[in-house]
Amino acid sequence: MLSLVQNSFASDAYTEANHRIANHLSIVASILRLEQEAVLRTPTLTPERAYAVLEECGRRIEAIARIHQLLSQRDPLRPSVELGEYLRETAENILSGVSAFGRNRLRFVCPEPLPTRAEDAVPLGLIVGELVTNAVKYAHPSGVRGAICVSCQREADGATVVAVCDDGVGLPEGFDPHSGRDSVGFRLILALAQRMRAKVEFENSCLGLSVTIRVP
């Protein structure tokens, strides 16, 4: 009997792992398709542009790989990760990997542990990665030292709320982040939010950009 139970647990873990990997590969394929469409709209693909596209794809795939590393350290039948730990590491890795690291201060706020399903943690990690990258690149075009705040919390109704804020110049005039038409990053953010049935709110002003993602 014990052997049957153990075999059943092993089978459940194997099925869960396969399902998770399939979902994550689907996200990778979606990322590559978005970049492919953007490249096709580019009149001239320079080596610099090609390098940047591949670098961004690599960063996004590394964020997914990190989830699998975290899950390998936990009970395979309870595939959850600590969301705060994952988002903090995602943001810090981006800042440490860009030349503007010394000009940006990261503040991270997560008042309590937030065990989260891998199915939600991966999209949230990718969204935070896009927003932090955008803040590093565009929030302070003059090169002044800026501040980025990443926060996450669970509300009373069980919803998970993640926010990324910067103190930069905000979005360009006339740019609609909800359409994401001219930005692979914003298109990816909206697609990932839709995948989680999450609501995305943008607060844009001359004092900075604040983006909040609420996952029911």
Protein backbone atom coordinates (compact mmCIF):
# COMPACT_ATOMS: atom_id res chain seq x y z
CA MET A 1 0.00 0.00 0.00
CA LEU A 2 2.78 2.43 0.94
CA SER A 3 4.49 1.72 -2.37
CA LEU A 4 1.26 2.50 -4.25
CA VAL A 5 0.87 5.81 -2.41
CA GLN A 6 4.48 6.77 -3.09
CA ASN A 7 4.09 5.90 -6.76
CA SER A 8 0.93 8.00 -6.93
CA PHE A 9 2.69 11.00 -5.38
CA ALA A 10 5.61 10.58 -7.79
CA SER A 11 3.20 10.39 -10.74
CA ASP A 12 1.37 13.53 -9.58
CA ALA A 13 4.66 15.41 -9.20
CA TYR A 14 5.81 14.29 -12.65
CA THR A 15 2.51 15.36 -14.26
CA GLU A 16 2.63 18.71 -12.48
CA ALA A 17 6.22 19.34 -13.57
CA ASN A 18 5.41 18.51 -17.20
CA HIS A 19 2.39 20.81 -17.14
CA ARG A 20 4.44 23.63 -15.64
CA ILE A 21 7.25 23.23 -18.16
CA ALA A 22 4.76 23.24 -21.05
CA ASN A 23 3.22 26.48 -19.75
CA HIS A 24 6.63 28.13 -19.40
CA LEU A 25 7.73 27.05 -22.87
CA SER A 26 4.50 28.56 -24.18
CA ILE A 27 5.47 31.88 -22.56
CA VAL A 28 8.94 31.68 -24.13
CA ALA A 29 7.36 31.08 -27.55
CA SER A 30 5.08 34.10 -27.07
CA ILE A 31 8.06 36.29 -26.14
CA LEU A 32 9.95 35.22 -29.25
CA ARG A 33 6.93 35.88 -31.47
CA LEU A 34 6.54 39.40 -30.08
CA GLU A 35 10.20 40.12 -30.77
CA GLN A 36 9.89 38.60 -34.23
CA GLU A 37 7.02 40.94 -35.08
CA ALA A 38 9.00 43.92 -33.80
CA VAL A 39 12.03 42.95 -35.88
CA LEU A 40 9.88 42.62 -39.02
CA ARG A 41 8.63 46.18 -38.46
CA THR A 42 12.19 47.49 -38.20
CA PRO A 43 13.32 48.97 -41.56
CA THR A 44 16.99 48.16 -40.99
CA LEU A 45 18.18 45.50 -38.57
CA THR A 46 21.59 46.62 -37.39
CA PRO A 47 23.95 44.32 -35.48
CA GLU A 48 23.38 46.50 -32.41
CA ARG A 49 19.61 46.04 -32.67
CA ALA A 50 19.96 42.28 -33.18
CA TYR A 51 22.23 42.07 -30.11
CA ALA A 52 19.73 44.04 -28.01
CA VAL A 53 16.83 41.79 -29.06
CA LEU A 54 18.75 38.61 -28.19
CA GLU A 55 19.92 40.10 -24.89
CA GLU A 56 16.35 40.96 -23.88
CA CYS A 57 15.13 37.48 -24.83
CA GLY A 58 17.94 35.94 -22.80
CA ARG A 59 17.06 38.03 -19.74
CA ARG A 60 13.42 36.98 -19.91
CA ILE A 61 14.25 33.29 -20.29
CA GLU A 62 16.67 33.49 -17.35
CA ALA A 63 13.81 34.81 -15.19
CA ILE A 64 11.80 31.68 -16.04
CA ALA A 65 14.78 29.42 -15.40
CA ARG A 66 15.16 30.93 -11.92
CA ILE A 67 11.65 29.77 -11.02
CA HIS A 68 12.65 26.18 -11.82
CA GLN A 69 15.71 26.55 -9.62
CA LEU A 70 13.54 27.75 -6.74
CA LEU A 71 11.01 24.97 -7.26
CA SER A 72 13.73 22.32 -7.26
CA GLN A 73 14.45 23.28 -3.63
CA ARG A 74 10.86 22.70 -2.51
CA ASP A 75 8.31 19.92 -2.12
CA PRO A 76 7.44 18.82 -5.69
CA LEU A 77 3.83 18.22 -4.66
CA ARG A 78 3.47 21.81 -3.42
CA PRO A 79 4.96 23.82 -6.30
CA SER A 80 5.00 27.34 -4.89
CA VAL A 81 7.73 29.96 -4.61
CA GLU A 82 8.30 32.87 -2.27
CA LEU A 83 7.15 35.76 -4.47
CA GLY A 84 8.99 38.48 -2.57
CA GLU A 85 12.31 36.64 -2.82
CA TYR A 86 11.80 36.02 -6.54
CA LEU A 87 10.80 39.60 -7.42
CA ARG A 88 13.62 41.12 -5.37
CA GLU A 89 16.18 38.91 -7.09
CA THR A 90 14.68 39.70 -10.50
CA ALA A 91 14.95 43.46 -9.93
CA GLU A 92 18.45 43.27 -8.45
CA ASN A 93 19.72 41.12 -11.32
CA ILE A 94 18.50 43.66 -13.85
CA LEU A 95 20.09 46.58 -12.04
CA SER A 96 23.38 44.76 -11.59
CA GLY A 97 23.46 43.88 -15.28
CA VAL A 98 23.17 47.38 -16.74
CA SER A 99 25.63 50.24 -16.88
CA ALA A 100 23.21 52.56 -15.09
CA PHE A 101 23.33 50.47 -11.89
CA GLY A 102 25.19 53.16 -9.98
CA ARG A 103 22.57 55.76 -10.86
CA ASN A 104 19.56 53.85 -9.56
CA ARG A 105 18.46 53.05 -6.02
CA LEU A 106 16.18 50.06 -5.49
CA ARG A 107 13.67 49.98 -2.67
CA PHE A 108 11.83 46.73 -2.12
CA VAL A 109 8.74 46.38 0.07
CA CYS A 110 7.14 43.05 0.95
CA PRO A 111 5.68 43.06 4.47
CA GLU A 112 5.10 39.30 4.73
CA PRO A 113 5.97 35.99 3.02
CA LEU A 114 3.93 35.43 -0.13
CA PRO A 115 3.95 31.79 -1.26
CA THR A 116 2.71 31.90 -4.85
CA ARG A 117 1.98 29.35 -7.55
CA ALA A 118 4.66 29.13 -10.23
CA GLU A 119 1.93 29.78 -12.82
CA ASP A 120 1.51 33.28 -11.38
CA ALA A 121 5.06 33.93 -10.18
CA VAL A 122 6.59 33.59 -13.67
CA PRO A 123 4.34 36.20 -15.36
CA LEU A 124 4.74 38.56 -12.40
CA GLY A 125 8.52 38.17 -12.49
CA LEU A 126 8.57 38.92 -16.21
CA ILE A 127 6.33 41.96 -15.75
CA VAL A 128 8.51 43.35 -12.96
CA GLY A 129 11.55 42.70 -15.14
CA GLU A 130 10.06 44.72 -18.00
CA LEU A 131 9.06 47.61 -15.76
CA VAL A 132 12.41 47.82 -13.96
CA THR A 133 14.24 47.65 -17.29
CA ASN A 134 12.09 50.47 -18.68
CA ALA A 135 12.71 52.57 -15.57
CA VAL A 136 16.48 52.09 -15.90
CA LYS A 137 16.48 52.97 -19.60
CA TYR A 138 13.95 55.76 -19.86
CA ALA A 139 12.94 57.26 -16.48
CA HIS A 140 15.91 59.64 -16.34
CA PRO A 141 17.16 60.44 -19.85
CA SER A 142 19.45 63.14 -18.46
CA GLY A 143 21.34 60.48 -16.50
CA VAL A 144 20.57 61.70 -12.97
CA ARG A 145 20.40 59.19 -10.12
CA GLY A 146 16.90 57.75 -9.86
CA ALA A 147 14.86 55.63 -7.47
CA ILE A 148 12.83 52.51 -8.27
CA CYS A 149 10.42 50.93 -5.81
CA VAL A 150 9.08 47.39 -6.16
CA SER A 151 6.40 46.21 -3.75
CA CYS A 152 4.17 43.19 -3.33
CA GLN A 153 1.47 42.27 -0.85
CA ARG A 154 -1.60 40.09 -0.41
CA GLU A 155 -4.92 41.80 0.23
CA ALA A 156 -7.70 40.64 2.52
CA ASP A 157 -9.64 39.08 -0.37
CA GLY A 158 -6.62 36.98 -1.35
CA ALA A 159 -5.59 39.09 -4.33
CA THR A 160 -1.87 39.60 -4.94
CA VAL A 161 -0.85 43.19 -5.70
CA VAL A 162 2.53 44.03 -7.22
CA ALA A 163 3.64 47.58 -7.99
CA VAL A 164 6.68 49.15 -9.66
CA CYS A 165 7.22 52.90 -9.33
CA ASP A 166 9.94 55.28 -10.46
CA ASP A 167 10.58 59.01 -9.98
CA GLY A 168 11.39 59.80 -13.59
CA VAL A 169 9.87 61.80 -16.42
CA GLY A 170 6.92 59.48 -17.03
CA LEU A 171 5.67 58.12 -20.34
CA PRO A 172 6.07 60.11 -23.56
CA GLU A 173 3.21 62.44 -24.40
CA GLY A 174 0.52 60.66 -26.40
CA PHE A 175 1.83 57.17 -25.58
CA ASP A 176 -0.94 54.74 -24.59
CA PRO A 177 0.48 51.89 -22.50
CA HIS A 178 -2.77 49.94 -22.77
CA SER A 179 -2.33 49.54 -26.51
CA GLY A 180 1.37 48.71 -26.31
CA ARG A 181 1.43 49.06 -30.07
CA ASP A 182 4.97 50.37 -30.40
CA SER A 183 6.57 48.60 -27.44
CA VAL A 184 7.36 44.90 -27.13
CA GLY A 185 7.75 45.38 -23.38
CA PHE A 186 4.29 46.83 -22.83
CA ARG A 187 2.69 44.32 -25.20
CA LEU A 188 4.31 41.55 -23.18
CA ILE A 189 3.13 43.08 -19.88
CA LEU A 190 -0.47 43.24 -21.11
CA ALA A 191 -0.37 39.71 -22.55
CA LEU A 192 1.01 38.25 -19.32
CA ALA A 193 -1.56 40.13 -17.24
CA GLN A 194 -4.33 38.78 -19.43
CA ARG A 195 -2.93 35.28 -18.94
CA MET A 196 -3.43 35.70 -15.16
CA ARG A 197 -6.75 37.58 -15.52
CA ALA A 198 -4.96 40.42 -13.76
CA LYS A 199 -5.80 44.12 -13.85
CA VAL A 200 -3.03 46.57 -14.78
CA GLU A 201 -3.21 50.24 -13.79
CA PHE A 202 -0.83 52.96 -15.01
CA GLU A 203 -0.41 56.25 -13.16
CA ASN A 204 1.71 58.57 -15.25
CA SER A 205 2.90 62.09 -14.40
CA CYS A 206 5.94 64.32 -14.60
CA LEU A 207 6.88 62.92 -11.17
CA GLY A 208 7.22 59.40 -12.45
CA LEU A 209 5.40 56.26 -13.56
CA SER A 210 3.60 53.86 -11.24
CA VAL A 211 2.29 50.53 -12.50
CA THR A 212 0.13 48.26 -10.34
CA ILE A 213 -0.80 44.66 -11.17
CA ARG A 214 -3.63 43.05 -9.24
CA VAL A 215 -3.99 39.28 -9.58
CA PRO A 216 -7.35 37.95 -8.33
